[in-house]
PDB file of all heavy atoms in Angstrom:
ATOM      1  N   ILE A   1     145.083  62.850  12.564  1.00  0.00           N
ATOM      2  CA  ILE A   1     144.785  63.741  13.690  1.00  0.00           C
ATOM      3  C   ILE A   1     143.603  64.619  13.309  1.00  0.00           C
ATOM      4  O   ILE A   1     143.583  65.267  12.229  1.00  0.00           O
ATOM      5  CB  ILE A   1     146.012  64.646  13.995  1.00  0.00           C
ATOM      6  CG1 ILE A   1     147.208  63.767  14.441  1.00  0.00           C
ATOM      7  CG2 ILE A   1     145.666  65.666  15.062  1.00  0.00           C
ATOM      8  CD1 ILE A   1     148.494  64.506  14.624  1.00  0.00           C
ATOM      9  N   GLY A   2     142.620  64.697  14.157  1.00  0.00           N
ATOM     10  CA  GLY A   2     141.451  65.554  13.965  1.00  0.00           C
ATOM     11  C   GLY A   2     141.812  67.009  14.225  1.00  0.00           C
ATOM     12  O   GLY A   2     142.430  67.337  15.253  1.00  0.00           O
ATOM     13  N   VAL A   3     141.355  67.889  13.315  1.00  0.00           N
ATOM     14  CA  VAL A   3     141.609  69.320  13.460  1.00  0.00           C
ATOM     15  C   VAL A   3     140.242  70.046  13.485  1.00  0.00           C
ATOM     16  O   VAL A   3     139.590  70.208  12.423  1.00  0.00           O
ATOM     17  CB  VAL A   3     142.511  69.863  12.340  1.00  0.00           C
ATOM     18  CG1 VAL A   3     142.774  71.352  12.547  1.00  0.00           C
ATOM     19  CG2 VAL A   3     143.810  69.068  12.231  1.00  0.00           C
ATOM     20  N   THR A   4     139.841  70.448  14.655  1.00  0.00           N
ATOM     21  CA  THR A   4     138.520  71.058  14.858  1.00  0.00           C
ATOM     22  C   THR A   4     138.459  72.519  14.329  1.00  0.00           C
ATOM     23  O   THR A   4     139.508  73.151  14.114  1.00  0.00           O
ATOM     24  CB  THR A   4     138.281  71.077  16.386  1.00  0.00           C
ATOM     25  OG1 THR A   4     137.081  71.766  16.675  1.00  0.00           O
ATOM     26  CG2 THR A   4     139.405  71.799  17.122  1.00  0.00           C
ATOM     27  N   PRO A   5     137.257  73.068  14.160  1.00  0.00           N
ATOM     28  CA  PRO A   5     137.176  74.467  13.713  1.00  0.00           C
ATOM     29  C   PRO A   5     137.781  75.420  14.718  1.00  0.00           C
ATOM     30  O   PRO A   5     138.088  76.570  14.331  1.00  0.00           O
ATOM     31  CB  PRO A   5     135.665  74.667  13.609  1.00  0.00           C
ATOM     32  CG  PRO A   5     135.079  73.304  13.431  1.00  0.00           C
ATOM     33  CD  PRO A   5     135.956  72.379  14.177  1.00  0.00           C
ATOM     34  N   TRP A   6     137.981  75.010  15.950  1.00  0.00           N
ATOM     35  CA  TRP A   6     138.480  75.918  16.985  1.00  0.00           C
ATOM     36  C   TRP A   6     140.004  75.783  17.138  1.00  0.00           C
ATOM     37  O   TRP A   6     140.569  76.376  18.065  1.00  0.00           O
ATOM     38  CB  TRP A   6     137.769  75.640  18.301  1.00  0.00           C
ATOM     39  CG  TRP A   6     136.287  75.823  18.165  1.00  0.00           C
ATOM     40  CD1 TRP A   6     135.627  77.011  18.141  1.00  0.00           C
ATOM     41  CD2 TRP A   6     135.319  74.836  17.884  1.00  0.00           C
ATOM     42  NE1 TRP A   6     134.285  76.794  17.909  1.00  0.00           N
ATOM     43  CE2 TRP A   6     134.056  75.465  17.744  1.00  0.00           C
ATOM     44  CE3 TRP A   6     135.379  73.436  17.739  1.00  0.00           C
ATOM     45  CZ2 TRP A   6     132.879  74.771  17.507  1.00  0.00           C
ATOM     46  CZ3 TRP A   6     134.204  72.757  17.491  1.00  0.00           C
ATOM     47  CH2 TRP A   6     132.962  73.380  17.381  1.00  0.00           C
ATOM     48  N   ALA A   7     140.631  75.039  16.289  1.00  0.00           N
ATOM     49  CA  ALA A   7     142.118  74.895  16.335  1.00  0.00           C
ATOM     50  C   ALA A   7     142.746  76.063  15.517  1.00  0.00           C
ATOM     51  O   ALA A   7     142.110  76.623  14.650  1.00  0.00           O
ATOM     52  CB  ALA A   7     142.525  73.536  15.765  1.00  0.00           C
ATOM     53  N   ASP A   8     144.029  76.252  15.786  1.00  0.00           N
ATOM     54  CA  ASP A   8     144.834  77.148  14.935  1.00  0.00           C
ATOM     55  C   ASP A   8     145.228  76.316  13.713  1.00  0.00           C
ATOM     56  O   ASP A   8     146.115  75.508  13.787  1.00  0.00           O
ATOM     57  CB  ASP A   8     146.037  77.624  15.732  1.00  0.00           C
ATOM     58  CG  ASP A   8     146.898  78.616  14.957  1.00  0.00           C
ATOM     59  OD1 ASP A   8     147.148  78.392  13.744  1.00  0.00           O
ATOM     60  OD2 ASP A   8     147.343  79.612  15.551  1.00  0.00           O
ATOM     61  N   ILE A   9     144.569  76.611  12.602  1.00  0.00           N
ATOM     62  CA  ILE A   9     144.761  75.768  11.373  1.00  0.00           C
ATOM     63  C   ILE A   9     146.201  75.850  10.869  1.00  0.00           C
ATOM     64  O   ILE A   9     146.798  74.827  10.512  1.00  0.00           O
ATOM     65  CB  ILE A   9     143.784  76.235  10.278  1.00  0.00           C
ATOM     66  CG1 ILE A   9     142.336  76.116  10.716  1.00  0.00           C
ATOM     67  CG2 ILE A   9     143.988  75.439   8.985  1.00  0.00           C
ATOM     68  CD1 ILE A   9     141.866  74.707  11.067  1.00  0.00           C
ATOM     69  N   GLY A  10     146.754  77.029  10.841  1.00  0.00           N
ATOM     70  CA  GLY A  10     148.124  77.216  10.354  1.00  0.00           C
ATOM     71  C   GLY A  10     149.133  76.433  11.205  1.00  0.00           C
ATOM     72  O   GLY A  10     150.056  75.762  10.677  1.00  0.00           O
ATOM     73  N   MET A  11     149.019  76.546  12.515  1.00  0.00           N
ATOM     74  CA  MET A  11     149.955  75.876  13.426  1.00  0.00           C
ATOM     75  C   MET A  11     149.796  74.348  13.263  1.00  0.00           C
ATOM     76  O   MET A  11     150.825  73.628  13.192  1.00  0.00           O
ATOM     77  CB  MET A  11     149.701  76.248  14.893  1.00  0.00           C
ATOM     78  CG  MET A  11     150.623  75.599  15.862  1.00  0.00           C
ATOM     79  SD  MET A  11     150.236  75.951  17.593  1.00  0.00           S
ATOM     80  CE  MET A  11     150.563  77.683  17.630  1.00  0.00           C
ATOM     81  N   ALA A  12     148.547  73.885  13.199  1.00  0.00           N
ATOM     82  CA  ALA A  12     148.325  72.441  13.052  1.00  0.00           C
ATOM     83  C   ALA A  12     148.947  71.902  11.787  1.00  0.00           C
ATOM     84  O   ALA A  12     149.577  70.853  11.777  1.00  0.00           O
ATOM     85  CB  ALA A  12     146.831  72.161  13.122  1.00  0.00           C
ATOM     86  N   ALA A  13     148.748  72.616  10.662  1.00  0.00           N
ATOM     87  CA  ALA A  13     149.279  72.152   9.376  1.00  0.00           C
ATOM     88  C   ALA A  13     150.756  72.119   9.354  1.00  0.00           C
ATOM     89  O   ALA A  13     151.389  71.214   8.814  1.00  0.00           O
ATOM     90  CB  ALA A  13     148.737  73.024   8.257  1.00  0.00           C
ATOM     91  N   GLU A  14     151.374  73.146   9.999  1.00  0.00           N
ATOM     92  CA  GLU A  14     152.844  73.195  10.027  1.00  0.00           C
ATOM     93  C   GLU A  14     153.437  72.015  10.790  1.00  0.00           C
ATOM     94  O   GLU A  14     154.452  71.460  10.417  1.00  0.00           O
ATOM     95  CB  GLU A  14     153.292  74.508  10.651  1.00  0.00           C
ATOM     96  CG  GLU A  14     154.808  74.711  10.694  1.00  0.00           C
ATOM     97  CD  GLU A  14     155.217  76.042  11.296  1.00  0.00           C
ATOM     98  OE1 GLU A  14     154.311  76.888  11.597  1.00  0.00           O
ATOM     99  OE2 GLU A  14     156.424  76.238  11.448  1.00  0.00           O
ATOM    100  N   ILE A  15     152.768  71.685  11.926  1.00  0.00           N
ATOM    101  CA  ILE A  15     153.337  70.594  12.771  1.00  0.00           C
ATOM    102  C   ILE A  15     153.000  69.246  12.188  1.00  0.00           C
ATOM    103  O   ILE A  15     153.825  68.348  12.200  1.00  0.00           O
ATOM    104  CB  ILE A  15     152.769  70.755  14.199  1.00  0.00           C
ATOM    105  CG1 ILE A  15     153.168  72.066  14.808  1.00  0.00           C
ATOM    106  CG2 ILE A  15     153.239  69.595  15.074  1.00  0.00           C
ATOM    107  CD1 ILE A  15     152.539  72.381  16.143  1.00  0.00           C
ATOM    108  N   ILE A  16     151.775  69.056  11.699  1.00  0.00           N
ATOM    109  CA  ILE A  16     151.384  67.763  11.088  1.00  0.00           C
ATOM    110  C   ILE A  16     152.204  67.494   9.856  1.00  0.00           C
ATOM    111  O   ILE A  16     152.742  66.406   9.686  1.00  0.00           O
ATOM    112  CB  ILE A  16     149.882  67.758  10.796  1.00  0.00           C
ATOM    113  CG1 ILE A  16     149.125  67.708  12.104  1.00  0.00           C
ATOM    114  CG2 ILE A  16     149.526  66.601   9.889  1.00  0.00           C
ATOM    115  CD1 ILE A  16     147.599  67.864  11.928  1.00  0.00           C
ATOM    116  N   GLY A  17     152.331  68.493   8.964  1.00  0.00           N
ATOM    117  CA  GLY A  17     153.143  68.357   7.773  1.00  0.00           C
ATOM    118  C   GLY A  17     152.870  67.094   7.004  1.00  0.00           C
ATOM    119  O   GLY A  17     151.720  66.652   6.822  1.00  0.00           O
ATOM    120  N   PRO A  18     153.906  66.403   6.461  1.00  0.00           N
ATOM    121  CA  PRO A  18     153.720  65.205   5.670  1.00  0.00           C
ATOM    122  C   PRO A  18     153.630  63.950   6.507  1.00  0.00           C
ATOM    123  O   PRO A  18     153.545  62.843   5.973  1.00  0.00           O
ATOM    124  CB  PRO A  18     154.960  65.168   4.829  1.00  0.00           C
ATOM    125  CG  PRO A  18     156.027  65.802   5.668  1.00  0.00           C
ATOM    126  CD  PRO A  18     155.329  66.880   6.500  1.00  0.00           C
ATOM    127  N   ARG A  19     153.653  64.033   7.864  1.00  0.00           N
ATOM    128  CA  ARG A  19     153.795  62.875   8.745  1.00  0.00           C
ATOM    129  C   ARG A  19     152.497  62.187   9.075  1.00  0.00           C
ATOM    130  O   ARG A  19     152.441  60.978   9.313  1.00  0.00           O
ATOM    131  CB  ARG A  19     154.500  63.271  10.003  1.00  0.00           C
ATOM    132  CG  ARG A  19     155.893  63.863   9.802  1.00  0.00           C
ATOM    133  CD  ARG A  19     156.517  64.259  11.105  1.00  0.00           C
ATOM    134  NE  ARG A  19     155.707  65.291  11.812  1.00  0.00           N
ATOM    135  CZ  ARG A  19     155.597  65.368  13.113  1.00  0.00           C
ATOM    136  NH1 ARG A  19     156.230  64.496  13.907  1.00  0.00           N
ATOM    137  NH2 ARG A  19     154.874  66.313  13.669  1.00  0.00           N
ATOM    138  N   TYR A  20     151.381  62.974   9.103  1.00  0.00           N
ATOM    139  CA  TYR A  20     150.078  62.405   9.475  1.00  0.00           C
ATOM    140  C   TYR A  20     148.999  62.952   8.581  1.00  0.00           C
ATOM    141  O   TYR A  20     149.187  63.952   7.868  1.00  0.00           O
ATOM    142  CB  TYR A  20     149.760  62.806  10.925  1.00  0.00           C
ATOM    143  CG  TYR A  20     150.830  62.455  11.963  1.00  0.00           C
ATOM    144  CD1 TYR A  20     151.588  63.447  12.544  1.00  0.00           C
ATOM    145  CD2 TYR A  20     151.073  61.114  12.280  1.00  0.00           C
ATOM    146  CE1 TYR A  20     152.632  63.146  13.462  1.00  0.00           C
ATOM    147  CE2 TYR A  20     152.087  60.806  13.175  1.00  0.00           C
ATOM    148  CZ  TYR A  20     152.825  61.806  13.793  1.00  0.00           C
ATOM    149  OH  TYR A  20     153.846  61.479  14.648  1.00  0.00           O
ATOM    150  N   VAL A  21     147.865  62.314   8.599  1.00  0.00           N
ATOM    151  CA  VAL A  21     146.676  62.823   7.875  1.00  0.00           C
ATOM    152  C   VAL A  21     146.062  63.984   8.673  1.00  0.00           C
ATOM    153  O   VAL A  21     145.853  63.826   9.851  1.00  0.00           O
ATOM    154  CB  VAL A  21     145.626  61.725   7.666  1.00  0.00           C
ATOM    155  CG1 VAL A  21     144.397  62.271   6.940  1.00  0.00           C
ATOM    156  CG2 VAL A  21     146.220  60.553   6.878  1.00  0.00           C
ATOM    157  N   PHE A  22     145.854  65.059   7.988  1.00  0.00           N
ATOM    158  CA  PHE A  22     145.229  66.274   8.555  1.00  0.00           C
ATOM    159  C   PHE A  22     143.718  66.098   8.327  1.00  0.00           C
ATOM    160  O   PHE A  22     143.235  66.229   7.222  1.00  0.00           O
ATOM    161  CB  PHE A  22     145.710  67.519   7.855  1.00  0.00           C
ATOM    162  CG  PHE A  22     145.302  68.800   8.422  1.00  0.00           C
ATOM    163  CD1 PHE A  22     146.214  69.653   9.063  1.00  0.00           C
ATOM    164  CD2 PHE A  22     144.045  69.315   8.222  1.00  0.00           C
ATOM    165  CE1 PHE A  22     145.836  70.889   9.555  1.00  0.00           C
ATOM    166  CE2 PHE A  22     143.653  70.515   8.701  1.00  0.00           C
ATOM    167  CZ  PHE A  22     144.567  71.343   9.374  1.00  0.00           C
ATOM    168  N   SER A  23     142.987  65.718   9.378  1.00  0.00           N
ATOM    169  CA  SER A  23     141.512  65.474   9.239  1.00  0.00           C
ATOM    170  C   SER A  23     140.768  66.708   9.683  1.00  0.00           C
ATOM    171  O   SER A  23     140.484  66.887  10.865  1.00  0.00           O
ATOM    172  CB  SER A  23     141.129  64.262  10.061  1.00  0.00           C
ATOM    173  OG  SER A  23     139.819  63.860   9.765  1.00  0.00           O
ATOM    174  N   SER A  24     140.452  67.519   8.717  1.00  0.00           N
ATOM    175  CA  SER A  24     139.861  68.855   9.008  1.00  0.00           C
ATOM    176  C   SER A  24     138.342  68.779   9.158  1.00  0.00           C
ATOM    177  O   SER A  24     137.672  68.090   8.456  1.00  0.00           O
ATOM    178  CB  SER A  24     140.205  69.809   7.876  1.00  0.00           C
ATOM    179  OG  SER A  24     139.611  71.074   8.126  1.00  0.00           O
ATOM    180  N   LYS A  25     137.845  69.550  10.136  1.00  0.00           N
ATOM    181  CA  LYS A  25     136.393  69.623  10.366  1.00  0.00           C
ATOM    182  C   LYS A  25     135.955  71.064  10.270  1.00  0.00           C
ATOM    183  O   LYS A  25     135.956  71.844  11.235  1.00  0.00           O
ATOM    184  CB  LYS A  25     136.039  69.076  11.751  1.00  0.00           C
ATOM    185  CG  LYS A  25     136.692  67.752  12.108  1.00  0.00           C
ATOM    186  CD  LYS A  25     136.264  66.638  11.191  1.00  0.00           C
ATOM    187  CE  LYS A  25     136.760  65.294  11.588  1.00  0.00           C
ATOM    188  NZ  LYS A  25     138.210  65.175  11.674  1.00  0.00           N
ATOM    189  N   PRO A  26     135.486  71.523   9.089  1.00  0.00           N
ATOM    190  CA  PRO A  26     135.020  72.874   8.952  1.00  0.00           C
ATOM    191  C   PRO A  26     133.760  73.104   9.827  1.00  0.00           C
ATOM    192  O   PRO A  26     133.107  72.130  10.269  1.00  0.00           O
ATOM    193  CB  PRO A  26     134.640  72.999   7.451  1.00  0.00           C
ATOM    194  CG  PRO A  26     135.423  71.914   6.814  1.00  0.00           C
ATOM    195  CD  PRO A  26     135.541  70.792   7.784  1.00  0.00           C
ATOM    196  N   ASN A  27     133.484  74.346  10.095  1.00  0.00           N
ATOM    197  CA  ASN A  27     132.381  74.656  11.032  1.00  0.00           C
ATOM    198  C   ASN A  27     130.994  74.360  10.406  1.00  0.00           C
ATOM    199  O   ASN A  27     130.653  74.981   9.389  1.00  0.00           O
ATOM    200  CB  ASN A  27     132.445  76.158  11.365  1.00  0.00           C
ATOM    201  CG  ASN A  27     131.642  76.465  12.633  1.00  0.00           C
ATOM    202  OD1 ASN A  27     130.638  75.815  12.892  1.00  0.00           O
ATOM    203  ND2 ASN A  27     132.067  77.478  13.339  1.00  0.00           N
ATOM    204  N   PRO A  28     130.225  73.455  10.981  1.00  0.00           N
ATOM    205  CA  PRO A  28     128.947  73.122  10.392  1.00  0.00           C
ATOM    206  C   PRO A  28     127.896  74.229  10.558  1.00  0.00           C
ATOM    207  O   PRO A  28     126.828  74.186   9.901  1.00  0.00           O
ATOM    208  CB  PRO A  28     128.504  71.883  11.209  1.00  0.00           C
ATOM    209  CG  PRO A  28     129.199  72.012  12.517  1.00  0.00           C
ATOM    210  CD  PRO A  28     130.523  72.658  12.196  1.00  0.00           C
ATOM    211  N   ALA A  29     128.215  75.240  11.360  1.00  0.00           N
ATOM    212  CA  ALA A  29     127.284  76.387  11.507  1.00  0.00           C
ATOM    213  C   ALA A  29     127.147  77.131  10.156  1.00  0.00           C
ATOM    214  O   ALA A  29     126.164  77.821   9.960  1.00  0.00           O
ATOM    215  CB  ALA A  29     127.823  77.356  12.536  1.00  0.00           C
ATOM    216  N   SER A  30     128.080  76.914   9.253  1.00  0.00           N
ATOM    217  CA  SER A  30     128.003  77.586   7.947  1.00  0.00           C
ATOM    218  C   SER A  30     126.768  77.232   7.176  1.00  0.00           C
ATOM    219  O   SER A  30     126.310  78.017   6.336  1.00  0.00           O
ATOM    220  CB  SER A  30     129.244  77.320   7.133  1.00  0.00           C
ATOM    221  OG  SER A  30     129.334  75.926   6.779  1.00  0.00           O
ATOM    222  N   VAL A  31     126.223  76.018   7.357  1.00  0.00           N
ATOM    223  CA  VAL A  31     125.016  75.608   6.604  1.00  0.00           C
ATOM    224  C   VAL A  31     123.750  75.771   7.405  1.00  0.00           C
ATOM    225  O   VAL A  31     122.658  75.491   6.913  1.00  0.00           O
ATOM    226  CB  VAL A  31     125.172  74.116   6.134  1.00  0.00           C
ATOM    227  CG1 VAL A  31     126.347  73.994   5.186  1.00  0.00           C
ATOM    228  CG2 VAL A  31     125.250  73.177   7.304  1.00  0.00           C
ATOM    229  N   ALA A  32     123.844  76.227   8.640  1.00  0.00           N
ATOM    230  CA  ALA A  32     122.689  76.383   9.562  1.00  0.00           C
ATOM    231  C   ALA A  32     122.123  77.775   9.454  1.00  0.00           C
ATOM    232  O   ALA A  32     121.846  78.411  10.460  1.00  0.00           O
ATOM    233  CB  ALA A  32     123.045  76.033  10.972  1.00  0.00           C
ATOM    234  N   VAL A  33     121.935  78.242   8.233  1.00  0.00           N
ATOM    235  CA  VAL A  33     121.592  79.653   7.997  1.00  0.00           C
ATOM    236  C   VAL A  33     120.480  79.770   6.921  1.00  0.00           C
ATOM    237  O   VAL A  33     120.349  78.860   6.097  1.00  0.00           O
ATOM    238  CB  VAL A  33     122.804  80.461   7.551  1.00  0.00           C
ATOM    239  CG1 VAL A  33     123.823  80.555   8.708  1.00  0.00           C
ATOM    240  CG2 VAL A  33     123.527  79.809   6.366  1.00  0.00           C
ATOM    241  N   PRO A  34     119.722  80.857   6.908  1.00  0.00           N
ATOM    242  CA  PRO A  34     118.739  81.065   5.863  1.00  0.00           C
ATOM    243  C   PRO A  34     119.338  81.158   4.489  1.00  0.00           C
ATOM    244  O   PRO A  34     118.777  80.681   3.482  1.00  0.00           O
ATOM    245  CB  PRO A  34     118.026  82.364   6.262  1.00  0.00           C
ATOM    246  CG  PRO A  34     118.324  82.541   7.712  1.00  0.00           C
ATOM    247  CD  PRO A  34     119.689  81.940   7.924  1.00  0.00           C
ATOM    248  N   ILE A  35     120.498  81.808   4.373  1.00  0.00           N
ATOM    249  CA  ILE A  35     121.199  81.947   3.083  1.00  0.00           C
ATOM    250  C   ILE A  35     122.678  81.655   3.263  1.00  0.00           C
ATOM    251  O   ILE A  35     123.334  82.241   4.146  1.00  0.00           O
ATOM    252  CB  ILE A  35     121.040  83.393   2.520  1.00  0.00           C
ATOM    253  CG1 ILE A  35     119.547  83.725   2.341  1.00  0.00           C
ATOM    254  CG2 ILE A  35     121.802  83.530   1.207  1.00  0.00           C
ATOM    255  CD1 ILE A  35     119.302  85.098   1.865  1.00  0.00           C
ATOM    256  N   LEU A  36     123.194  80.698   2.506  1.00  0.00           N
ATOM    257  CA  LEU A  36     124.599  80.339   2.656  1.00  0.00           C
ATOM    258  C   LEU A  36     125.492  81.457   2.198  1.00  0.00           C
ATOM    259  O   LEU A  36     125.345  82.051   1.168  1.00  0.00           O
ATOM    260  CB  LEU A  36     124.892  79.085   1.731  1.00  0.00           C
ATOM    261  CG  LEU A  36     126.231  78.433   1.881  1.00  0.00           C
ATOM    262  CD1 LEU A  36     126.294  77.724   3.226  1.00  0.00           C
ATOM    263  CD2 LEU A  36     126.428  77.417   0.765  1.00  0.00           C
ATOM    264  N   ASN A  37     126.445  81.793   3.068  1.00  0.00           N
ATOM    265  CA  ASN A  37     127.464  82.821   2.753  1.00  0.00           C
ATOM    266  C   ASN A  37     128.612  82.174   2.017  1.00  0.00           C
ATOM    267  O   ASN A  37     129.545  81.661   2.607  1.00  0.00           O
ATOM    268  CB  ASN A  37     127.908  83.490   4.040  1.00  0.00           C
ATOM    269  CG  ASN A  37     128.823  84.688   3.787  1.00  0.00           C
ATOM    270  OD1 ASN A  37     129.525  84.760   2.766  1.00  0.00           O
ATOM    271  ND2 ASN A  37     128.822  85.643   4.711  1.00  0.00           N
ATOM    272  N   GLU A  38     128.518  82.180   0.702  1.00  0.00           N
ATOM    273  CA  GLU A  38     129.528  81.478  -0.083  1.00  0.00           C
ATOM    274  C   GLU A  38     130.906  82.115  -0.009  1.00  0.00           C
ATOM    275  O   GLU A  38     131.918  81.376  -0.037  1.00  0.00           O
ATOM    276  CB  GLU A  38     129.062  81.397  -1.552  1.00  0.00           C
ATOM    277  CG  GLU A  38     127.758  80.586  -1.775  1.00  0.00           C
ATOM    278  CD  GLU A  38     127.481  80.283  -3.210  1.00  0.00           C
ATOM    279  OE1 GLU A  38     128.377  80.570  -4.045  1.00  0.00           O
ATOM    280  OE2 GLU A  38     126.404  79.748  -3.505  1.00  0.00           O
ATOM    281  N   ASP A  39     130.962  83.399   0.136  1.00  0.00           N
ATOM    282  CA  ASP A  39     132.284  84.050   0.260  1.00  0.00           C
ATOM    283  C   ASP A  39     132.959  83.615   1.555  1.00  0.00           C
ATOM    284  O   ASP A  39     134.164  83.308   1.562  1.00  0.00           O
ATOM    285  CB  ASP A  39     132.121  85.572   0.235  1.00  0.00           C
ATOM    286  CG  ASP A  39     131.714  86.091  -1.151  1.00  0.00           C
ATOM    287  OD1 ASP A  39     131.957  85.368  -2.134  1.00  0.00           O
ATOM    288  OD2 ASP A  39     131.163  87.199  -1.229  1.00  0.00           O
ATOM    289  N   ALA A  40     132.210  83.590   2.643  1.00  0.00           N
ATOM    290  CA  ALA A  40     132.805  83.183   3.939  1.00  0.00           C
ATOM    291  C   ALA A  40     133.206  81.679   3.863  1.00  0.00           C
ATOM    292  O   ALA A  40     134.272  81.327   4.406  1.00  0.00           O
ATOM    293  CB  ALA A  40     131.784  83.376   5.026  1.00  0.00           C
TER     294      ALA A  40
END
């Protein structure tokens, strides 16, 4: 199951659990910047 950056990550993980693959898609906007915010 695909889990978009706009999903509720906690809810998705709780429901998916051990039954399905959690296919996470972090926000690509994080690399579209002059300086990468490593803490974020």
